[in-house]
Amino acid sequence: MLSKEDQRRFEQITRQLRESDPKFFARLDQRVRARRGRWLMLLTVILWASLPAMTVLAGRTAGAACVVVLAANTGLMWHFRHRWR
């Protein structure tokens, strides 16, 4: 955790960087979004892979609810996939 003074200085440096080199800042921002997208993809794959076990252990209703949530998540990831590249 940064102190208030350090946080203020960090925000000032970030603002100056954003103003002085917007291309670098945009490229850096894209890398963060790409990393977030990879983690979300990994989580989705793990949840889809665990679905059969979850259905057996928690019952068909829980499995059906999980399928609906995962299908919606997969659809959203497919729709926004260009943002993570």
PDB file of N, CA and C in Angstrom:
ATOM      1  N   MET A   1       0.845  -1.175   0.000  1.00  0.00           N
ATOM      2  CA  MET A   1       0.000   0.000   0.000  1.00  0.00           C
ATOM      3  C   MET A   1       0.892   1.241   0.000  1.00  0.00           C
ATOM      4  N   LEU A   2       0.567   2.162  -0.856  1.00  0.00           N
ATOM      5  CA  LEU A   2       1.341   3.397  -0.944  1.00  0.00           C
ATOM      6  C   LEU A   2       0.788   4.439   0.008  1.00  0.00           C
ATOM      7  N   SER A   3       1.685   5.272   0.489  1.00  0.00           N
ATOM      8  CA  SER A   3       1.228   6.393   1.310  1.00  0.00           C
ATOM      9  C   SER A   3       0.496   7.385   0.399  1.00  0.00           C
ATOM     10  N   LYS A   4      -0.193   8.319   0.996  1.00  0.00           N
ATOM     11  CA  LYS A   4      -0.936   9.298   0.185  1.00  0.00           C
ATOM     12  C   LYS A   4      -0.006  10.125  -0.685  1.00  0.00           C
ATOM     13  N   GLU A   5       1.142  10.467  -0.157  1.00  0.00           N
ATOM     14  CA  GLU A   5       2.114  11.238  -0.933  1.00  0.00           C
ATOM     15  C   GLU A   5       2.654  10.424  -2.102  1.00  0.00           C
ATOM     16  N   ASP A   6       2.982   9.160  -1.841  1.00  0.00           N
ATOM     17  CA  ASP A   6       3.468   8.294  -2.918  1.00  0.00           C
ATOM     18  C   ASP A   6       2.386   8.055  -3.972  1.00  0.00           C
ATOM     19  N   GLN A   7       1.156   7.876  -3.518  1.00  0.00           N
ATOM     20  CA  GLN A   7       0.041   7.681  -4.449  1.00  0.00           C
ATOM     21  C   GLN A   7      -0.143   8.918  -5.325  1.00  0.00           C
ATOM     22  N   ARG A   8      -0.026  10.100  -4.737  1.00  0.00           N
ATOM     23  CA  ARG A   8      -0.161  11.338  -5.492  1.00  0.00           C
ATOM     24  C   ARG A   8       0.954  11.452  -6.537  1.00  0.00           C
ATOM     25  N   ARG A   9       2.177  11.115  -6.129  1.00  0.00           N
ATOM     26  CA  ARG A   9       3.304  11.152  -7.071  1.00  0.00           C
ATOM     27  C   ARG A   9       3.134  10.139  -8.201  1.00  0.00           C
ATOM     28  N   PHE A  10       2.672   8.950  -7.851  1.00  0.00           N
ATOM     29  CA  PHE A  10       2.439   7.916  -8.868  1.00  0.00           C
ATOM     30  C   PHE A  10       1.387   8.376  -9.883  1.00  0.00           C
ATOM     31  N   GLU A  11       0.308   8.949  -9.406  1.00  0.00           N
ATOM     32  CA  GLU A  11      -0.730   9.451 -10.313  1.00  0.00           C
ATOM     33  C   GLU A  11      -0.197  10.575 -11.195  1.00  0.00           C
ATOM     34  N   GLN A  12       0.659  11.426 -10.645  1.00  0.00           N
ATOM     35  CA  GLN A  12       1.254  12.510 -11.424  1.00  0.00           C
ATOM     36  C   GLN A  12       2.165  11.942 -12.525  1.00  0.00           C
ATOM     37  N   ILE A  13       2.975  10.950 -12.181  1.00  0.00           N
ATOM     38  CA  ILE A  13       3.859  10.322 -13.166  1.00  0.00           C
ATOM     39  C   ILE A  13       3.025   9.637 -14.252  1.00  0.00           C
ATOM     40  N   THR A  14       1.984   8.944 -13.854  1.00  0.00           N
ATOM     41  CA  THR A  14       1.112   8.273 -14.818  1.00  0.00           C
ATOM     42  C   THR A  14       0.461   9.276 -15.759  1.00  0.00           C
ATOM     43  N   ARG A  15      -0.027  10.365 -15.214  1.00  0.00           N
ATOM     44  CA  ARG A  15      -0.670  11.403 -16.032  1.00  0.00           C
ATOM     45  C   ARG A  15       0.328  12.001 -17.030  1.00  0.00           C
ATOM     46  N   GLN A  16       1.553  12.274 -16.559  1.00  0.00           N
ATOM     47  CA  GLN A  16       2.576  12.832 -17.450  1.00  0.00           C
ATOM     48  C   GLN A  16       2.942  11.836 -18.559  1.00  0.00           C
ATOM     49  N   LEU A  17       3.035  10.568 -18.199  1.00  0.00           N
ATOM     50  CA  LEU A  17       3.338   9.546 -19.202  1.00  0.00           C
ATOM     51  C   LEU A  17       2.218   9.457 -20.233  1.00  0.00           C
ATOM     52  N   ARG A  18       0.994   9.474 -19.777  1.00  0.00           N
ATOM     53  CA  ARG A  18      -0.148   9.403 -20.682  1.00  0.00           C
ATOM     54  C   ARG A  18      -0.143  10.583 -21.649  1.00  0.00           C
ATOM     55  N   GLU A  19       0.213  11.771 -21.158  1.00  0.00           N
ATOM     56  CA  GLU A  19       0.224  12.967 -22.010  1.00  0.00           C
ATOM     57  C   GLU A  19       1.442  13.003 -22.936  1.00  0.00           C
ATOM     58  N   SER A  20       2.595  12.559 -22.454  1.00  0.00           N
ATOM     59  CA  SER A  20       3.815  12.676 -23.252  1.00  0.00           C
ATOM     60  C   SER A  20       3.966  11.556 -24.284  1.00  0.00           C
ATOM     61  N   ASP A  21       3.491  10.361 -23.981  1.00  0.00           N
ATOM     62  CA  ASP A  21       3.643   9.238 -24.906  1.00  0.00           C
ATOM     63  C   ASP A  21       2.366   8.403 -24.935  1.00  0.00           C
ATOM     64  N   PRO A  22       1.336   8.883 -25.604  1.00  0.00           N
ATOM     65  CA  PRO A  22       0.062   8.159 -25.600  1.00  0.00           C
ATOM     66  C   PRO A  22       0.129   6.794 -26.288  1.00  0.00           C
ATOM     67  N   LYS A  23       1.019   6.628 -27.275  1.00  0.00           N
ATOM     68  CA  LYS A  23       1.130   5.325 -27.947  1.00  0.00           C
ATOM     69  C   LYS A  23       1.657   4.256 -26.986  1.00  0.00           C
ATOM     70  N   PHE A  24       2.664   4.616 -26.210  1.00  0.00           N
ATOM     71  CA  PHE A  24       3.208   3.677 -25.231  1.00  0.00           C
ATOM     72  C   PHE A  24       2.150   3.317 -24.199  1.00  0.00           C
ATOM     73  N   PHE A  25       1.441   4.303 -23.726  1.00  0.00           N
ATOM     74  CA  PHE A  25       0.432   4.071 -22.706  1.00  0.00           C
ATOM     75  C   PHE A  25      -0.683   3.182 -23.249  1.00  0.00           C
ATOM     76  N   ALA A  26      -1.096   3.384 -24.498  1.00  0.00           N
ATOM     77  CA  ALA A  26      -2.133   2.551 -25.113  1.00  0.00           C
ATOM     78  C   ALA A  26      -1.650   1.111 -25.266  1.00  0.00           C
ATOM     79  N   ARG A  27      -0.384   0.942 -25.653  1.00  0.00           N
ATOM     80  CA  ARG A  27       0.179  -0.399 -25.804  1.00  0.00           C
ATOM     81  C   ARG A  27       0.247  -1.111 -24.453  1.00  0.00           C
ATOM     82  N   LEU A  28       0.609  -0.389 -23.421  1.00  0.00           N
ATOM     83  CA  LEU A  28       0.666  -0.946 -22.078  1.00  0.00           C
ATOM     84  C   LEU A  28      -0.729  -1.356 -21.614  1.00  0.00           C
ATOM     85  N   ASP A  29      -1.713  -0.524 -21.906  1.00  0.00           N
ATOM     86  CA  ASP A  29      -3.094  -0.816 -21.531  1.00  0.00           C
ATOM     87  C   ASP A  29      -3.597  -2.061 -22.246  1.00  0.00           C
ATOM     88  N   GLN A  30      -3.209  -2.248 -23.508  1.00  0.00           N
ATOM     89  CA  GLN A  30      -3.617  -3.432 -24.255  1.00  0.00           C
ATOM     90  C   GLN A  30      -3.043  -4.701 -23.636  1.00  0.00           C
ATOM     91  N   ARG A  31      -1.828  -4.637 -23.151  1.00  0.00           N
ATOM     92  CA  ARG A  31      -1.214  -5.816 -22.532  1.00  0.00           C
ATOM     93  C   ARG A  31      -1.961  -6.222 -21.273  1.00  0.00           C
ATOM     94  N   VAL A  32      -2.416  -5.245 -20.502  1.00  0.00           N
ATOM     95  CA  VAL A  32      -3.169  -5.547 -19.284  1.00  0.00           C
ATOM     96  C   VAL A  32      -4.491  -6.211 -19.645  1.00  0.00           C
ATOM     97  N   ARG A  33      -5.177  -5.671 -20.666  1.00  0.00           N
ATOM     98  CA  ARG A  33      -6.445  -6.263 -21.090  1.00  0.00           C
ATOM     99  C   ARG A  33      -6.241  -7.671 -21.635  1.00  0.00           C
ATOM    100  N   ALA A  34      -5.162  -7.881 -22.365  1.00  0.00           N
ATOM    101  CA  ALA A  34      -4.882  -9.213 -22.906  1.00  0.00           C
ATOM    102  C   ALA A  34      -4.641 -10.210 -21.783  1.00  0.00           C
ATOM    103  N   ARG A  35      -3.912  -9.801 -20.772  1.00  0.00           N
ATOM    104  CA  ARG A  35      -3.658 -10.680 -19.627  1.00  0.00           C
ATOM    105  C   ARG A  35      -4.969 -11.026 -18.926  1.00  0.00           C
ATOM    106  N   ARG A  36      -5.832 -10.045 -18.754  1.00  0.00           N
ATOM    107  CA  ARG A  36      -7.129 -10.278 -18.117  1.00  0.00           C
ATOM    108  C   ARG A  36      -7.953 -11.252 -18.950  1.00  0.00           C
ATOM    109  N   GLY A  37      -7.899 -11.104 -20.261  1.00  0.00           N
ATOM    110  CA  GLY A  37      -8.633 -11.995 -21.141  1.00  0.00           C
ATOM    111  C   GLY A  37      -8.127 -13.431 -21.061  1.00  0.00           C
ATOM    112  N   ARG A  38      -6.806 -13.593 -20.951  1.00  0.00           N
ATOM    113  CA  ARG A  38      -6.249 -14.939 -20.831  1.00  0.00           C
ATOM    114  C   ARG A  38      -6.682 -15.598 -19.529  1.00  0.00           C
ATOM    115  N   TRP A  39      -6.703 -14.843 -18.436  1.00  0.00           N
ATOM    116  CA  TRP A  39      -7.147 -15.404 -17.165  1.00  0.00           C
ATOM    117  C   TRP A  39      -8.628 -15.792 -17.228  1.00  0.00           C
ATOM    118  N   LEU A  40      -9.422 -14.959 -17.856  1.00  0.00           N
ATOM    119  CA  LEU A  40     -10.843 -15.260 -17.990  1.00  0.00           C
ATOM    120  C   LEU A  40     -11.052 -16.498 -18.856  1.00  0.00           C
ATOM    121  N   MET A  41     -10.268 -16.629 -19.914  1.00  0.00           N
ATOM    122  CA  MET A  41     -10.352 -17.812 -20.764  1.00  0.00           C
ATOM    123  C   MET A  41      -9.950 -19.060 -19.989  1.00  0.00           C
ATOM    124  N   LEU A  42      -8.893 -18.986 -19.215  1.00  0.00           N
ATOM    125  CA  LEU A  42      -8.449 -20.124 -18.416  1.00  0.00           C
ATOM    126  C   LEU A  42      -9.530 -20.523 -17.403  1.00  0.00           C
ATOM    127  N   LEU A  43     -10.123 -19.553 -16.746  1.00  0.00           N
ATOM    128  CA  LEU A  43     -11.186 -19.829 -15.785  1.00  0.00           C
ATOM    129  C   LEU A  43     -12.369 -20.504 -16.471  1.00  0.00           C
ATOM    130  N   THR A  44     -12.727 -20.034 -17.645  1.00  0.00           N
ATOM    131  CA  THR A  44     -13.849 -20.618 -18.377  1.00  0.00           C
ATOM    132  C   THR A  44     -13.557 -22.070 -18.756  1.00  0.00           C
ATOM    133  N   VAL A  45     -12.357 -22.342 -19.231  1.00  0.00           N
ATOM    134  CA  VAL A  45     -11.991 -23.714 -19.605  1.00  0.00           C
ATOM    135  C   VAL A  45     -12.026 -24.629 -18.384  1.00  0.00           C
ATOM    136  N   ILE A  46     -11.508 -24.158 -17.266  1.00  0.00           N
ATOM    137  CA  ILE A  46     -11.517 -24.967 -16.041  1.00  0.00           C
ATOM    138  C   ILE A  46     -12.942 -25.240 -15.584  1.00  0.00           C
ATOM    139  N   LEU A  47     -13.797 -24.227 -15.637  1.00  0.00           N
ATOM    140  CA  LEU A  47     -15.188 -24.428 -15.221  1.00  0.00           C
ATOM    141  C   LEU A  47     -15.921 -25.390 -16.155  1.00  0.00           C
ATOM    142  N   TRP A  48     -15.694 -25.274 -17.463  1.00  0.00           N
ATOM    143  CA  TRP A  48     -16.327 -26.210 -18.397  1.00  0.00           C
ATOM    144  C   TRP A  48     -15.821 -27.626 -18.150  1.00  0.00           C
ATOM    145  N   ALA A  49     -14.535 -27.775 -17.856  1.00  0.00           N
ATOM    146  CA  ALA A  49     -13.974 -29.102 -17.613  1.00  0.00           C
ATOM    147  C   ALA A  49     -14.504 -29.708 -16.316  1.00  0.00           C
ATOM    148  N   SER A  50     -14.806 -28.885 -15.337  1.00  0.00           N
ATOM    149  CA  SER A  50     -15.303 -29.400 -14.059  1.00  0.00           C
ATOM    150  C   SER A  50     -16.816 -29.591 -14.049  1.00  0.00           C
ATOM    151  N   LEU A  51     -17.485 -29.204 -15.107  1.00  0.00           N
ATOM    152  CA  LEU A  51     -18.947 -29.303 -15.155  1.00  0.00           C
ATOM    153  C   LEU A  51     -19.463 -30.726 -14.945  1.00  0.00           C
ATOM    154  N   PRO A  52     -18.918 -31.752 -15.592  1.00  0.00           N
ATOM    155  CA  PRO A  52     -19.453 -33.106 -15.341  1.00  0.00           C
ATOM    156  C   PRO A  52     -19.346 -33.526 -13.871  1.00  0.00           C
ATOM    157  N   ALA A  53     -18.223 -33.264 -13.250  1.00  0.00           N
ATOM    158  CA  ALA A  53     -18.074 -33.627 -11.837  1.00  0.00           C
ATOM    159  C   ALA A  53     -19.037 -32.836 -10.966  1.00  0.00           C
ATOM    160  N   MET A  54     -19.217 -31.567 -11.298  1.00  0.00           N
ATOM    161  CA  MET A  54     -20.135 -30.737 -10.520  1.00  0.00           C
ATOM    162  C   MET A  54     -21.567 -31.252 -10.658  1.00  0.00           C
ATOM    163  N   THR A  55     -21.930 -31.699 -11.843  1.00  0.00           N
ATOM    164  CA  THR A  55     -23.267 -32.221 -12.068  1.00  0.00           C
ATOM    165  C   THR A  55     -23.483 -33.508 -11.277  1.00  0.00           C
ATOM    166  N   VAL A  56     -22.482 -34.363 -11.247  1.00  0.00           N
ATOM    167  CA  VAL A  56     -22.603 -35.619 -10.502  1.00  0.00           C
ATOM    168  C   VAL A  56     -22.675 -35.341  -9.004  1.00  0.00           C
ATOM    169  N   LEU A  57     -21.836 -34.445  -8.522  1.00  0.00           N
ATOM    170  CA  LEU A  57     -21.776 -34.197  -7.082  1.00  0.00           C
ATOM    171  C   LEU A  57     -22.899 -33.300  -6.568  1.00  0.00           C
ATOM    172  N   ALA A  58     -23.307 -32.296  -7.333  1.00  0.00           N
ATOM    173  CA  ALA A  58     -24.299 -31.332  -6.842  1.00  0.00           C
ATOM    174  C   ALA A  58     -25.693 -31.562  -7.423  1.00  0.00           C
ATOM    175  N   GLY A  59     -25.820 -32.389  -8.424  1.00  0.00           N
ATOM    176  CA  GLY A  59     -27.127 -32.690  -8.979  1.00  0.00           C
ATOM    177  C   GLY A  59     -27.348 -32.017 -10.325  1.00  0.00           C
ATOM    178  N   ARG A  60     -28.394 -32.463 -10.991  1.00  0.00           N
ATOM    179  CA  ARG A  60     -28.684 -31.964 -12.337  1.00  0.00           C
ATOM    180  C   ARG A  60     -29.093 -30.500 -12.348  1.00  0.00           C
ATOM    181  N   THR A  61     -29.812 -30.058 -11.340  1.00  0.00           N
ATOM    182  CA  THR A  61     -30.246 -28.659 -11.318  1.00  0.00           C
ATOM    183  C   THR A  61     -29.050 -27.723 -11.232  1.00  0.00           C
ATOM    184  N   ALA A  62     -28.113 -28.040 -10.364  1.00  0.00           N
ATOM    185  CA  ALA A  62     -26.897 -27.217 -10.250  1.00  0.00           C
ATOM    186  C   ALA A  62     -26.086 -27.287 -11.537  1.00  0.00           C
ATOM    187  N   GLY A  63     -26.023 -28.452 -12.147  1.00  0.00           N
ATOM    188  CA  GLY A  63     -25.316 -28.591 -13.416  1.00  0.00           C
ATOM    189  C   GLY A  63     -25.966 -27.778 -14.517  1.00  0.00           C
ATOM    190  N   ALA A  64     -27.295 -27.788 -14.573  1.00  0.00           N
ATOM    191  CA  ALA A  64     -28.008 -27.010 -15.589  1.00  0.00           C
ATOM    192  C   ALA A  64     -27.801 -25.514 -15.375  1.00  0.00           C
ATOM    193  N   ALA A  65     -27.834 -25.074 -14.133  1.00  0.00           N
ATOM    194  CA  ALA A  65     -27.598 -23.658 -13.842  1.00  0.00           C
ATOM    195  C   ALA A  65     -26.175 -23.267 -14.233  1.00  0.00           C
ATOM    196  N   CYS A  66     -25.233 -24.145 -13.973  1.00  0.00           N
ATOM    197  CA  CYS A  66     -23.833 -23.879 -14.331  1.00  0.00           C
ATOM    198  C   CYS A  66     -23.678 -23.803 -15.848  1.00  0.00           C
ATOM    199  N   VAL A  67     -24.377 -24.668 -16.578  1.00  0.00           N
ATOM    200  CA  VAL A  67     -24.309 -24.640 -18.037  1.00  0.00           C
ATOM    201  C   VAL A  67     -24.824 -23.309 -18.570  1.00  0.00           C
ATOM    202  N   VAL A  68     -25.923 -22.819 -18.017  1.00  0.00           N
ATOM    203  CA  VAL A  68     -26.482 -21.546 -18.471  1.00  0.00           C
ATOM    204  C   VAL A  68     -25.503 -20.407 -18.212  1.00  0.00           C
ATOM    205  N   VAL A  69     -24.916 -20.361 -17.025  1.00  0.00           N
ATOM    206  CA  VAL A  69     -23.967 -19.300 -16.685  1.00  0.00           C
ATOM    207  C   VAL A  69     -22.724 -19.395 -17.569  1.00  0.00           C
ATOM    208  N   LEU A  70     -22.198 -20.579 -17.755  1.00  0.00           N
ATOM    209  CA  LEU A  70     -21.009 -20.744 -18.579  1.00  0.00           C
ATOM    210  C   LEU A  70     -21.283 -20.452 -20.050  1.00  0.00           C
ATOM    211  N   ALA A  71     -22.468 -20.804 -20.535  1.00  0.00           N
ATOM    212  CA  ALA A  71     -22.813 -20.488 -21.923  1.00  0.00           C
ATOM    213  C   ALA A  71     -22.889 -18.976 -22.122  1.00  0.00           C
ATOM    214  N   ALA A  72     -23.481 -18.276 -21.160  1.00  0.00           N
ATOM    215  CA  ALA A  72     -23.531 -16.813 -21.255  1.00  0.00           C
ATOM    216  C   ALA A  72     -22.121 -16.223 -21.207  1.00  0.00           C
ATOM    217  N   ASN A  73     -21.285 -16.742 -20.328  1.00  0.00           N
ATOM    218  CA  ASN A  73     -19.902 -16.270 -20.222  1.00  0.00           C
ATOM    219  C   ASN A  73     -19.143 -16.525 -21.515  1.00  0.00           C
ATOM    220  N   THR A  74     -19.305 -17.700 -22.090  1.00  0.00           N
ATOM    221  CA  THR A  74     -18.629 -18.024 -23.342  1.00  0.00           C
ATOM    222  C   THR A  74     -19.107 -17.107 -24.461  1.00  0.00           C
ATOM    223  N   GLY A  75     -20.413 -16.841 -24.500  1.00  0.00           N
ATOM    224  CA  GLY A  75     -20.948 -15.928 -25.510  1.00  0.00           C
ATOM    225  C   GLY A  75     -20.383 -14.528 -25.371  1.00  0.00           C
ATOM    226  N   LEU A  76     -20.277 -14.045 -24.155  1.00  0.00           N
ATOM    227  CA  LEU A  76     -19.699 -12.712 -23.929  1.00  0.00           C
ATOM    228  C   LEU A  76     -18.227 -12.681 -24.306  1.00  0.00           C
ATOM    229  N   MET A  77     -17.504 -13.739 -23.969  1.00  0.00           N
ATOM    230  CA  MET A  77     -16.094 -13.779 -24.331  1.00  0.00           C
ATOM    231  C   MET A  77     -15.950 -13.796 -25.858  1.00  0.00           C
ATOM    232  N   TRP A  78     -16.805 -14.520 -26.546  1.00  0.00           N
ATOM    233  CA  TRP A  78     -16.745 -14.572 -28.003  1.00  0.00           C
ATOM    234  C   TRP A  78     -17.057 -13.198 -28.598  1.00  0.00           C
ATOM    235  N   HIS A  79     -18.029 -12.528 -28.001  1.00  0.00           N
ATOM    236  CA  HIS A  79     -18.431 -11.210 -28.500  1.00  0.00           C
ATOM    237  C   HIS A  79     -17.321 -10.168 -28.316  1.00  0.00           C
ATOM    238  N   PHE A  80     -16.634 -10.192 -27.178  1.00  0.00           N
ATOM    239  CA  PHE A  80     -15.619  -9.184 -26.865  1.00  0.00           C
ATOM    240  C   PHE A  80     -14.201  -9.669 -27.124  1.00  0.00           C
ATOM    241  N   ARG A  81     -13.991 -10.730 -27.875  1.00  0.00           N
ATOM    242  CA  ARG A  81     -12.668 -11.320 -28.060  1.00  0.00           C
ATOM    243  C   ARG A  81     -11.669 -10.371 -28.696  1.00  0.00           C
ATOM    244  N   HIS A  82     -12.106  -9.456 -29.532  1.00  0.00           N
ATOM    245  CA  HIS A  82     -11.176  -8.538 -30.194  1.00  0.00           C
ATOM    246  C   HIS A  82     -10.551  -7.529 -29.222  1.00  0.00           C
ATOM    247  N   ARG A  83     -11.157  -7.321 -28.094  1.00  0.00           N
ATOM    248  CA  ARG A  83     -10.601  -6.368 -27.116  1.00  0.00           C
ATOM    249  C   ARG A  83      -9.400  -6.920 -26.380  1.00  0.00           C
ATOM    250  N   TRP A  84      -9.218  -8.238 -26.374  1.00  0.00           N
ATOM    251  CA  TRP A  84      -8.155  -8.855 -25.588  1.00  0.00           C
ATOM    252  C   TRP A  84      -6.918  -9.155 -26.407  1.00  0.00           C
ATOM    253  N   ARG A  85      -6.883  -8.787 -27.629  1.00  0.00           N
ATOM    254  CA  ARG A  85      -5.721  -9.105 -28.474  1.00  0.00           C
ATOM    255  C   ARG A  85      -4.727  -8.011 -28.452  1.00  0.00           C
TER     256      ARG A  85
END
